[in-house]
Protein backbone atom coordinates (compact mmCIF):
# COMPACT_ATOMS: atom_id res chain seq x y z
CA ALA A 1 -2.59 0.34 3.58
CA HIS A 2 -1.36 -1.77 6.89
CA THR A 3 2.09 -0.62 5.81
CA LEU A 4 1.25 2.94 7.24
CA GLY A 5 1.07 2.95 11.08
CA ARG A 6 0.63 0.73 14.07
CA LEU A 7 -1.71 -0.51 16.66
CA GLU A 8 -1.72 1.07 20.26
CA ALA A 9 -2.51 -0.81 23.35
CA ARG A 10 -4.60 2.29 24.83
CA PHE A 11 -6.99 2.14 22.12
CA SER A 12 -7.36 -1.60 21.37
CA GLY A 13 -5.16 -3.72 23.63
CA TYR A 14 -2.91 -4.68 20.67
CA GLU A 15 0.35 -3.19 20.34
CA GLY A 16 2.76 -3.17 17.33
CA GLY A 17 2.91 -2.68 13.61
CA TRP A 18 2.06 -4.86 10.67
CA VAL A 19 5.50 -4.12 9.03
CA ARG A 20 8.98 -3.32 10.47
CA ALA A 21 9.15 0.19 12.12
CA ASP A 22 11.77 1.46 9.55
CA GLN A 23 8.96 0.49 6.83
CA ARG A 24 5.92 2.13 8.54
CA ALA A 25 6.01 5.57 6.72
CA LEU A 26 5.98 3.93 3.27
CA PHE A 27 3.18 2.98 1.17
CA ASP A 28 4.17 -0.23 -0.60
CA ASN A 29 3.46 -3.94 -0.54
CA ALA A 30 5.50 -4.91 2.50
CA PHE A 31 2.48 -6.13 4.50
CA TYR A 32 1.95 -8.67 1.92
CA THR A 33 5.59 -9.71 1.30
CA GLY A 34 5.94 -9.84 5.24
CA MET A 35 2.85 -11.77 5.53
CA ILE A 36 3.96 -14.73 3.22
CA ASN A 37 7.79 -14.63 3.65
CA LEU A 38 8.32 -14.36 7.40
CA PRO A 39 7.01 -16.75 10.09
CA TRP A 40 4.00 -15.56 12.39
CA VAL A 41 3.26 -17.33 15.53
CA LYS A 42 0.21 -17.45 17.30
CA THR A 43 -0.11 -15.76 20.62
CA THR A 44 -2.78 -14.89 23.20
CA LYS A 45 -2.70 -12.51 25.84
CA ARG A 46 -5.06 -11.15 28.59
CA VAL A 47 -5.70 -7.25 28.74
CA GLY A 48 -8.13 -5.29 30.93
CA SER A 49 -9.42 -5.65 34.57
CA GLU A 50 -10.74 -8.83 36.16
CA ALA A 51 -11.84 -6.70 38.99
CA MET A 52 -13.78 -4.41 36.81
CA ASP A 53 -15.13 -7.18 34.65
CA THR A 54 -13.26 -5.97 31.55
CA ALA A 55 -10.73 -8.54 30.91
CA ARG A 56 -10.64 -10.43 27.61
CA THR A 57 -8.24 -12.62 25.84
CA LEU A 58 -6.70 -11.11 22.65
CA THR A 59 -5.39 -13.49 19.82
CA GLU A 60 -2.58 -12.08 17.62
CA TRP A 61 0.40 -13.15 15.38
CA ARG A 62 3.88 -12.09 16.21
CA ILE A 63 7.11 -12.78 14.34
CA PRO A 64 9.03 -14.78 16.71
CA LEU A 65 12.01 -12.68 17.48
CA ARG A 66 12.62 -10.77 20.69
CA THR A 67 13.67 -7.46 18.85
CA SER A 68 10.46 -7.41 16.63
CA ASP A 69 7.28 -5.65 17.70
CA SER A 70 5.32 -6.63 14.30
CA MET A 71 2.12 -8.13 14.50
CA MET A 72 -0.92 -9.32 12.86
CA LEU A 73 -4.47 -9.95 13.62
CA ASN A 74 -6.58 -13.12 12.71
CA THR A 75 -8.34 -10.66 10.16
CA ASP A 76 -5.08 -10.17 8.48
CA GLY A 77 -3.33 -13.69 8.45
CA ILE A 78 -6.39 -15.23 7.00
CA LEU A 79 -6.08 -13.18 3.78
CA GLY A 80 -3.31 -15.65 2.79
CA PHE A 81 -3.59 -18.52 5.07
CA ASP A 82 -6.23 -21.04 6.24
CA ILE A 83 -6.09 -20.04 10.09
CA THR A 84 -7.87 -22.72 12.09
CA ASP A 85 -7.67 -23.39 15.89
CA SER A 86 -5.38 -26.50 14.76
CA CYS A 87 -2.70 -24.45 13.58
CA ASN A 88 -0.20 -21.89 15.35
CA VAL A 89 2.27 -20.74 12.53
CA PHE A 90 1.94 -19.35 9.24
CA GLY A 91 4.35 -17.76 6.61
CA ARG A 92 7.54 -19.11 5.15
CA ASP A 93 11.26 -19.54 6.01
CA THR A 94 10.57 -20.59 9.56
CA LEU A 95 13.59 -22.66 10.15
CA ASP A 96 15.96 -19.93 9.92
CA PHE A 97 13.98 -18.07 12.57
CA PHE A 98 13.45 -20.82 15.26
CA SER A 99 17.17 -21.61 15.11
CA SER A 100 18.13 -18.14 16.03
CA GLU A 101 19.30 -17.38 19.34
CA ASN A 102 16.91 -14.05 19.40
CA VAL A 103 13.89 -16.37 19.29
CA ALA A 104 11.12 -15.00 21.53
CA ASP A 105 9.85 -16.78 24.64
CA PHE A 106 6.29 -17.07 23.25
CA VAL A 107 7.18 -19.66 20.59
CA PRO A 108 5.36 -23.05 21.50
CA ASP A 109 7.20 -26.35 21.55
CA THR A 110 5.27 -27.70 18.81
CA LEU A 111 4.73 -25.66 15.70
CA VAL A 112 1.66 -26.73 13.39
CA PRO A 113 1.70 -24.86 9.93
CA CYS A 114 -1.58 -23.05 8.55
CA ALA A 115 -1.90 -24.16 4.94
CA GLU A 116 -1.86 -21.42 2.32
CA ARG A 117 -5.14 -20.02 0.71
CA THR A 118 -5.46 -21.08 -2.79
CA ASP A 119 -8.63 -19.24 -3.55
CA GLU A 120 -9.02 -15.77 -4.75
CA TYR A 121 -8.03 -13.99 -1.41
CA GLY A 122 -4.84 -16.24 -1.44
CA GLU A 123 -4.18 -15.39 -4.94
CA ALA A 124 -4.56 -11.74 -4.43
CA VAL A 125 -2.05 -11.96 -1.48
CA GLN A 126 0.61 -13.71 -3.54
CA ALA A 127 -0.07 -11.08 -6.41
CA PHE A 128 0.16 -8.23 -4.15
CA ALA A 129 3.53 -9.63 -2.52
CA ALA A 130 5.13 -10.36 -6.03
CA ASP A 131 4.47 -6.98 -7.49
CA ASN A 132 4.09 -3.60 -5.67
CA GLU A 133 2.56 -1.95 -8.76
CA VAL A 134 -0.22 -4.49 -8.96
CA PHE A 135 -0.73 -3.74 -5.35
CA LYS A 136 -0.76 0.12 -5.78
CA GLU A 137 -3.23 -0.26 -8.96
CA GLU A 138 -5.70 -2.27 -7.15
CA PHE A 139 -5.49 -0.31 -4.13
CA ALA A 140 -6.07 3.01 -5.88
CA SER A 141 -9.05 1.57 -7.61
CA ALA A 142 -10.69 0.26 -4.62
CA PHE A 143 -9.96 3.68 -2.75
CA VAL A 144 -11.60 5.56 -5.51
CA GLN A 145 -14.54 3.42 -5.19
CA LEU A 146 -14.67 3.84 -1.45
CA VAL A 147 -14.37 7.74 -1.30
CA GLU A 148 -16.93 8.25 -4.27
CA THR A 149 -19.41 5.89 -2.66
CA THR A 150 -21.51 7.77 0.06
CA HIS A 151 -23.44 6.04 2.74
CA GLN A 152 -26.22 7.71 5.05
CA CYS A 153 -27.96 5.54 7.78
CA GLY A 154 -26.57 2.36 5.97
CA ARG A 155 -28.21 3.18 2.71
CA LEU A 156 -26.60 4.52 -0.73
CA LYS A 157 -27.56 8.18 -1.12
CA ALA A 158 -29.45 8.61 -4.11
CA PRO A 159 -27.64 10.64 -6.91
CA ARG A 160 -28.68 14.32 -7.51
CA PRO A 161 -30.13 14.73 -10.95
CA SER A 162 -26.95 16.73 -11.99
CA ASP A 163 -24.92 13.58 -11.15
CA PRO A 164 -23.91 11.43 -13.88
């Protein structure tokens, strides 16, 4: 459901959305199509206060255009790509973006692509990107399972005798 909403710096230090601003009110597979069809460049930034000992470094992946506030976290990108310390860009169609005059200043001189995952996670990302209905059906099934399973203190609640 990352197509809905965005991150706000005041809560996490991260700022931006997972999809374009004009897509953030739609529930669809734009998160997955954007993940695989757009280039995402690894960036880091310091947030917090050094003086108050709250400073930390955040890693995020951004579309390399000055006009974009779209971003992904490592936990997003790793679903479809083998993110390692040695790579700094994932997604497709990078040449068109990096030849643009609108390229952001955080793009490194040398780009090292992350490999696409070929396991069940990578296959799911590809399937969801290819077919919005497949994404919605799988999401609905997982969501029903989530809301019908209750937890108390880290353990499943025992069903009441009247429950099937």
